[in-house]
Amino acid sequence: RSFHGNNRLLTSQIVSYYESINQCKKELPEYFNFASDVLDEWARLEKVAGSKPANPAFWWVSDEGEEVRWSFEELGSLSRKAANVLCEACALQRGDRVIAVLPRVPEWWLLNVAC
């Protein structure tokens, strides 16, 4: 079963971008940030495609069958909010170390992206 439906154009754009990096046709960024370089780029490409609902960037199913689905835009937005909480309320700064002791629930993934 296909999770991404017929959205091959979006996938091919991302794959061709990374293939061009592997073939040294594009420079690697000096600093790589998964949230901005990947999530935000996929969210932007989904907006450009526009006519179809967004593919889930995150799809979590509990043992009881509860589902959480976030688009790339939602995952980016929620992780930015989590990062703001860590920076403001917890006074964390770039380079600080964080350990999150949680089961593999959606919030665990948000914290990882936020960090």
N, C-alpha and C. Protein backbone atom coordinates (compact mmCIF):
# COMPACT_ATOMS: atom_id res chain seq x y z
N ARG A 1 0.84 -1.18 0.00
CA ARG A 1 0.00 0.00 0.00
C ARG A 1 0.88 1.23 0.00
N SER A 2 0.55 2.18 -0.82
CA SER A 2 1.36 3.39 -0.93
C SER A 2 0.92 4.41 0.11
N PHE A 3 1.87 4.93 0.88
CA PHE A 3 1.55 5.95 1.86
C PHE A 3 1.48 7.33 1.23
N HIS A 4 2.11 7.48 0.10
CA HIS A 4 2.21 8.81 -0.49
C HIS A 4 1.32 9.01 -1.71
N GLY A 5 0.44 8.08 -1.99
CA GLY A 5 -0.48 8.26 -3.10
C GLY A 5 0.25 8.48 -4.41
N ASN A 6 -0.25 9.40 -5.19
CA ASN A 6 0.32 9.67 -6.51
C ASN A 6 1.15 10.94 -6.51
N ASN A 7 1.74 11.29 -5.42
CA ASN A 7 2.48 12.52 -5.33
C ASN A 7 3.94 12.31 -5.74
N ARG A 8 4.16 11.70 -6.90
CA ARG A 8 5.50 11.38 -7.36
C ARG A 8 6.28 12.61 -7.77
N LEU A 9 5.61 13.66 -8.20
CA LEU A 9 6.30 14.87 -8.60
C LEU A 9 7.06 15.45 -7.42
N LEU A 10 6.42 15.56 -6.28
CA LEU A 10 7.07 16.09 -5.09
C LEU A 10 8.25 15.21 -4.69
N THR A 11 8.05 13.91 -4.66
CA THR A 11 9.11 13.00 -4.30
C THR A 11 10.27 13.09 -5.27
N SER A 12 9.98 13.17 -6.55
CA SER A 12 11.06 13.24 -7.54
C SER A 12 11.84 14.54 -7.42
N GLN A 13 11.18 15.64 -7.03
CA GLN A 13 11.89 16.90 -6.83
C GLN A 13 12.89 16.79 -5.69
N ILE A 14 12.48 16.19 -4.58
CA ILE A 14 13.36 16.04 -3.44
C ILE A 14 14.50 15.08 -3.78
N VAL A 15 14.18 13.95 -4.40
CA VAL A 15 15.20 12.97 -4.75
C VAL A 15 16.20 13.58 -5.72
N SER A 16 15.73 14.31 -6.71
CA SER A 16 16.66 14.90 -7.68
C SER A 16 17.55 15.95 -7.01
N TYR A 17 17.04 16.67 -6.03
CA TYR A 17 17.84 17.64 -5.30
C TYR A 17 18.99 16.95 -4.57
N TYR A 18 18.68 15.87 -3.86
CA TYR A 18 19.72 15.17 -3.12
C TYR A 18 20.65 14.40 -4.04
N GLU A 19 20.15 13.92 -5.17
CA GLU A 19 21.04 13.30 -6.15
C GLU A 19 22.03 14.32 -6.70
N SER A 20 21.58 15.54 -6.92
CA SER A 20 22.48 16.57 -7.43
C SER A 20 23.55 16.92 -6.41
N ILE A 21 23.24 16.84 -5.11
CA ILE A 21 24.26 17.04 -4.08
C ILE A 21 25.26 15.89 -4.13
N ASN A 22 24.75 14.65 -4.23
CA ASN A 22 25.64 13.48 -4.27
C ASN A 22 26.56 13.51 -5.48
N GLN A 23 26.11 14.09 -6.57
CA GLN A 23 26.92 14.16 -7.78
C GLN A 23 27.75 15.43 -7.83
N CYS A 24 27.81 16.14 -6.70
CA CYS A 24 28.61 17.37 -6.55
C CYS A 24 28.17 18.48 -7.50
N LYS A 25 26.90 18.49 -7.88
CA LYS A 25 26.37 19.57 -8.70
C LYS A 25 25.84 20.71 -7.83
N LYS A 26 25.63 20.43 -6.56
CA LYS A 26 25.21 21.45 -5.59
C LYS A 26 26.12 21.35 -4.38
N GLU A 27 26.34 22.49 -3.75
CA GLU A 27 27.19 22.48 -2.55
C GLU A 27 26.40 22.02 -1.34
N LEU A 28 27.08 21.30 -0.48
CA LEU A 28 26.48 20.95 0.81
C LEU A 28 26.46 22.20 1.67
N PRO A 29 25.40 22.39 2.45
CA PRO A 29 25.39 23.54 3.34
C PRO A 29 26.45 23.39 4.42
N GLU A 30 27.01 24.50 4.86
CA GLU A 30 28.02 24.45 5.92
C GLU A 30 27.40 23.92 7.21
N TYR A 31 26.18 24.36 7.50
CA TYR A 31 25.46 23.89 8.68
C TYR A 31 24.15 23.28 8.22
N PHE A 32 23.89 22.06 8.62
CA PHE A 32 22.67 21.36 8.24
C PHE A 32 21.72 21.37 9.41
N ASN A 33 20.47 21.77 9.16
CA ASN A 33 19.43 21.77 10.17
C ASN A 33 18.25 20.99 9.60
N PHE A 34 17.98 19.82 10.16
CA PHE A 34 16.93 18.95 9.63
C PHE A 34 15.59 19.67 9.55
N ALA A 35 15.24 20.42 10.59
CA ALA A 35 13.94 21.09 10.63
C ALA A 35 13.79 22.09 9.49
N SER A 36 14.78 22.94 9.30
CA SER A 36 14.65 23.97 8.26
C SER A 36 15.03 23.44 6.87
N ASP A 37 16.07 22.62 6.80
CA ASP A 37 16.54 22.17 5.49
C ASP A 37 15.67 21.07 4.88
N VAL A 38 15.00 20.28 5.70
CA VAL A 38 14.18 19.19 5.18
C VAL A 38 12.69 19.47 5.38
N LEU A 39 12.26 19.59 6.65
CA LEU A 39 10.82 19.76 6.91
C LEU A 39 10.26 21.01 6.24
N ASP A 40 10.93 22.14 6.40
CA ASP A 40 10.42 23.38 5.81
C ASP A 40 10.44 23.32 4.28
N GLU A 41 11.44 22.66 3.72
CA GLU A 41 11.50 22.53 2.26
C GLU A 41 10.37 21.66 1.73
N TRP A 42 10.10 20.53 2.40
CA TRP A 42 8.99 19.68 1.99
C TRP A 42 7.66 20.41 2.15
N ALA A 43 7.50 21.17 3.23
CA ALA A 43 6.27 21.94 3.44
C ALA A 43 6.09 22.96 2.32
N ARG A 44 7.18 23.62 1.93
CA ARG A 44 7.11 24.59 0.84
C ARG A 44 6.73 23.91 -0.47
N LEU A 45 7.32 22.76 -0.75
CA LEU A 45 6.99 22.05 -1.99
C LEU A 45 5.55 21.54 -1.98
N GLU A 46 5.04 21.15 -0.82
CA GLU A 46 3.64 20.73 -0.74
C GLU A 46 2.70 21.90 -1.04
N LYS A 47 3.06 23.09 -0.57
CA LYS A 47 2.23 24.27 -0.85
C LYS A 47 2.22 24.57 -2.34
N VAL A 48 3.38 24.40 -2.99
CA VAL A 48 3.48 24.65 -4.43
C VAL A 48 2.60 23.66 -5.18
N ALA A 49 2.65 22.37 -4.78
CA ALA A 49 1.82 21.35 -5.42
C ALA A 49 0.35 21.66 -5.19
N GLY A 50 0.01 22.05 -3.97
CA GLY A 50 -1.25 22.64 -3.58
C GLY A 50 -2.57 21.95 -3.79
N SER A 51 -2.80 21.28 -4.87
CA SER A 51 -4.14 20.79 -5.17
C SER A 51 -4.53 19.56 -4.35
N LYS A 52 -3.57 18.84 -3.82
CA LYS A 52 -3.86 17.63 -3.07
C LYS A 52 -3.61 17.87 -1.58
N PRO A 53 -4.27 17.11 -0.71
CA PRO A 53 -3.97 17.23 0.71
C PRO A 53 -2.52 16.81 0.96
N ALA A 54 -1.93 17.38 1.98
CA ALA A 54 -0.54 17.10 2.30
C ALA A 54 -0.33 15.65 2.71
N ASN A 55 0.79 15.09 2.29
CA ASN A 55 1.17 13.75 2.75
C ASN A 55 1.58 13.85 4.21
N PRO A 56 1.34 12.79 4.98
CA PRO A 56 1.79 12.87 6.36
C PRO A 56 3.31 12.78 6.45
N ALA A 57 3.90 13.71 7.17
CA ALA A 57 5.33 13.65 7.45
C ALA A 57 5.54 12.72 8.64
N PHE A 58 4.52 12.65 9.47
CA PHE A 58 4.57 11.87 10.69
C PHE A 58 3.24 11.15 10.83
N TRP A 59 3.31 9.84 11.01
CA TRP A 59 2.10 9.04 11.18
C TRP A 59 2.37 8.04 12.28
N TRP A 60 1.76 8.25 13.43
CA TRP A 60 1.99 7.43 14.60
C TRP A 60 0.69 6.71 14.95
N VAL A 61 0.80 5.41 15.27
CA VAL A 61 -0.36 4.62 15.68
C VAL A 61 -0.02 3.92 16.99
N SER A 62 -0.86 4.13 18.00
CA SER A 62 -0.62 3.49 19.31
C SER A 62 -1.06 2.03 19.25
N ASP A 63 -0.74 1.30 20.32
CA ASP A 63 -1.17 -0.10 20.41
C ASP A 63 -2.69 -0.23 20.41
N GLU A 64 -3.36 0.84 20.89
CA GLU A 64 -4.83 0.82 20.95
C GLU A 64 -5.46 1.31 19.64
N GLY A 65 -4.66 1.69 18.68
CA GLY A 65 -5.18 2.13 17.39
C GLY A 65 -5.36 3.63 17.25
N GLU A 66 -4.98 4.40 18.27
CA GLU A 66 -5.07 5.86 18.19
C GLU A 66 -4.04 6.34 17.17
N GLU A 67 -4.45 7.25 16.29
CA GLU A 67 -3.56 7.75 15.25
C GLU A 67 -3.28 9.24 15.42
N VAL A 68 -2.06 9.62 15.13
CA VAL A 68 -1.68 11.02 15.05
C VAL A 68 -1.00 11.20 13.71
N ARG A 69 -1.50 12.13 12.91
CA ARG A 69 -0.89 12.42 11.61
C ARG A 69 -0.59 13.91 11.54
N TRP A 70 0.64 14.23 11.18
CA TRP A 70 1.03 15.62 11.00
C TRP A 70 1.62 15.79 9.61
N SER A 71 1.22 16.84 8.94
CA SER A 71 1.84 17.19 7.66
C SER A 71 3.23 17.77 7.94
N PHE A 72 3.99 18.02 6.89
CA PHE A 72 5.31 18.62 7.07
C PHE A 72 5.18 20.00 7.70
N GLU A 73 4.17 20.75 7.28
CA GLU A 73 3.96 22.08 7.84
C GLU A 73 3.60 22.01 9.33
N GLU A 74 2.71 21.08 9.68
CA GLU A 74 2.31 20.92 11.09
C GLU A 74 3.49 20.47 11.95
N LEU A 75 4.27 19.51 11.47
CA LEU A 75 5.42 19.03 12.23
C LEU A 75 6.43 20.15 12.43
N GLY A 76 6.66 20.94 11.40
CA GLY A 76 7.58 22.08 11.53
C GLY A 76 7.07 23.10 12.53
N SER A 77 5.79 23.43 12.45
CA SER A 77 5.20 24.42 13.35
C SER A 77 5.23 23.94 14.80
N LEU A 78 4.81 22.71 15.03
CA LEU A 78 4.80 22.17 16.39
C LEU A 78 6.21 22.05 16.96
N SER A 79 7.17 21.67 16.14
CA SER A 79 8.55 21.56 16.65
C SER A 79 9.14 22.94 16.95
N ARG A 80 8.76 23.97 16.17
CA ARG A 80 9.21 25.33 16.49
C ARG A 80 8.63 25.79 17.82
N LYS A 81 7.37 25.45 18.08
CA LYS A 81 6.76 25.80 19.37
C LYS A 81 7.48 25.10 20.52
N ALA A 82 7.81 23.83 20.32
CA ALA A 82 8.54 23.10 21.36
C ALA A 82 9.92 23.70 21.57
N ALA A 83 10.58 24.09 20.49
CA ALA A 83 11.90 24.72 20.60
C ALA A 83 11.81 26.04 21.35
N ASN A 84 10.76 26.80 21.11
CA ASN A 84 10.56 28.06 21.83
C ASN A 84 10.38 27.82 23.32
N VAL A 85 9.64 26.79 23.69
CA VAL A 85 9.46 26.47 25.10
C VAL A 85 10.81 26.10 25.72
N LEU A 86 11.59 25.28 25.01
CA LEU A 86 12.89 24.88 25.54
C LEU A 86 13.82 26.08 25.71
N CYS A 87 13.78 27.01 24.76
CA CYS A 87 14.66 28.18 24.83
C CYS A 87 14.19 29.19 25.87
N GLU A 88 12.90 29.45 25.91
CA GLU A 88 12.39 30.50 26.79
C GLU A 88 12.15 30.00 28.22
N ALA A 89 11.32 29.01 28.38
CA ALA A 89 10.96 28.55 29.72
C ALA A 89 12.09 27.77 30.38
N CYS A 90 12.85 27.03 29.60
CA CYS A 90 13.92 26.20 30.17
C CYS A 90 15.30 26.83 30.03
N ALA A 91 15.38 27.96 29.34
CA ALA A 91 16.63 28.71 29.16
C ALA A 91 17.73 27.90 28.47
N LEU A 92 17.33 26.97 27.61
CA LEU A 92 18.33 26.23 26.86
C LEU A 92 18.90 27.10 25.75
N GLN A 93 20.16 26.86 25.43
CA GLN A 93 20.83 27.60 24.37
C GLN A 93 21.47 26.62 23.41
N ARG A 94 21.85 27.14 22.24
CA ARG A 94 22.51 26.31 21.24
C ARG A 94 23.73 25.64 21.87
N GLY A 95 23.84 24.34 21.65
CA GLY A 95 24.97 23.58 22.19
C GLY A 95 24.67 22.88 23.51
N ASP A 96 23.58 23.26 24.18
CA ASP A 96 23.21 22.57 25.42
C ASP A 96 22.79 21.14 25.09
N ARG A 97 23.00 20.26 26.04
CA ARG A 97 22.61 18.86 25.84
C ARG A 97 21.27 18.62 26.50
N VAL A 98 20.47 17.80 25.83
CA VAL A 98 19.12 17.50 26.30
C VAL A 98 18.91 16.00 26.28
N ILE A 99 18.26 15.50 27.31
CA ILE A 99 17.84 14.11 27.30
C ILE A 99 16.33 14.10 27.53
N ALA A 100 15.63 13.38 26.70
CA ALA A 100 14.17 13.27 26.84
C ALA A 100 13.85 11.83 27.20
N VAL A 101 13.31 11.64 28.38
CA VAL A 101 12.96 10.31 28.84
C VAL A 101 11.44 10.17 28.70
N LEU A 102 11.06 9.68 27.57
CA LEU A 102 9.64 9.48 27.24
C LEU A 102 9.51 8.20 26.43
N PRO A 103 8.35 7.57 26.48
CA PRO A 103 8.13 6.47 25.52
C PRO A 103 8.06 7.07 24.11
N ARG A 104 8.08 6.25 23.12
CA ARG A 104 8.07 6.74 21.74
C ARG A 104 6.65 7.21 21.35
N VAL A 105 6.27 8.30 21.99
CA VAL A 105 4.99 8.96 21.71
C VAL A 105 5.28 10.15 20.79
N PRO A 106 4.27 10.74 20.16
CA PRO A 106 4.52 11.86 19.24
C PRO A 106 5.34 12.99 19.85
N GLU A 107 5.16 13.27 21.12
CA GLU A 107 5.90 14.35 21.76
C GLU A 107 7.40 14.07 21.79
N TRP A 108 7.78 12.80 21.87
CA TRP A 108 9.20 12.44 21.83
C TRP A 108 9.81 12.87 20.51
N TRP A 109 9.09 12.63 19.42
CA TRP A 109 9.58 13.01 18.10
C TRP A 109 9.64 14.53 17.95
N LEU A 110 8.65 15.23 18.49
CA LEU A 110 8.67 16.70 18.45
C LEU A 110 9.90 17.25 19.15
N LEU A 111 10.20 16.71 20.32
CA LEU A 111 11.38 17.18 21.05
C LEU A 111 12.67 16.92 20.26
N ASN A 112 12.74 15.79 19.60
CA ASN A 112 13.94 15.50 18.81
C ASN A 112 14.10 16.47 17.67
N VAL A 113 13.03 16.78 16.98
CA VAL A 113 13.11 17.75 15.88
C VAL A 113 13.39 19.15 16.44
N ALA A 114 12.76 19.49 17.56
CA ALA A 114 12.96 20.81 18.15
C ALA A 114 14.41 21.02 18.58
N CYS A 115 15.01 19.97 19.11
CA CYS A 115 16.41 20.10 19.54
C CYS A 115 17.34 20.20 18.36
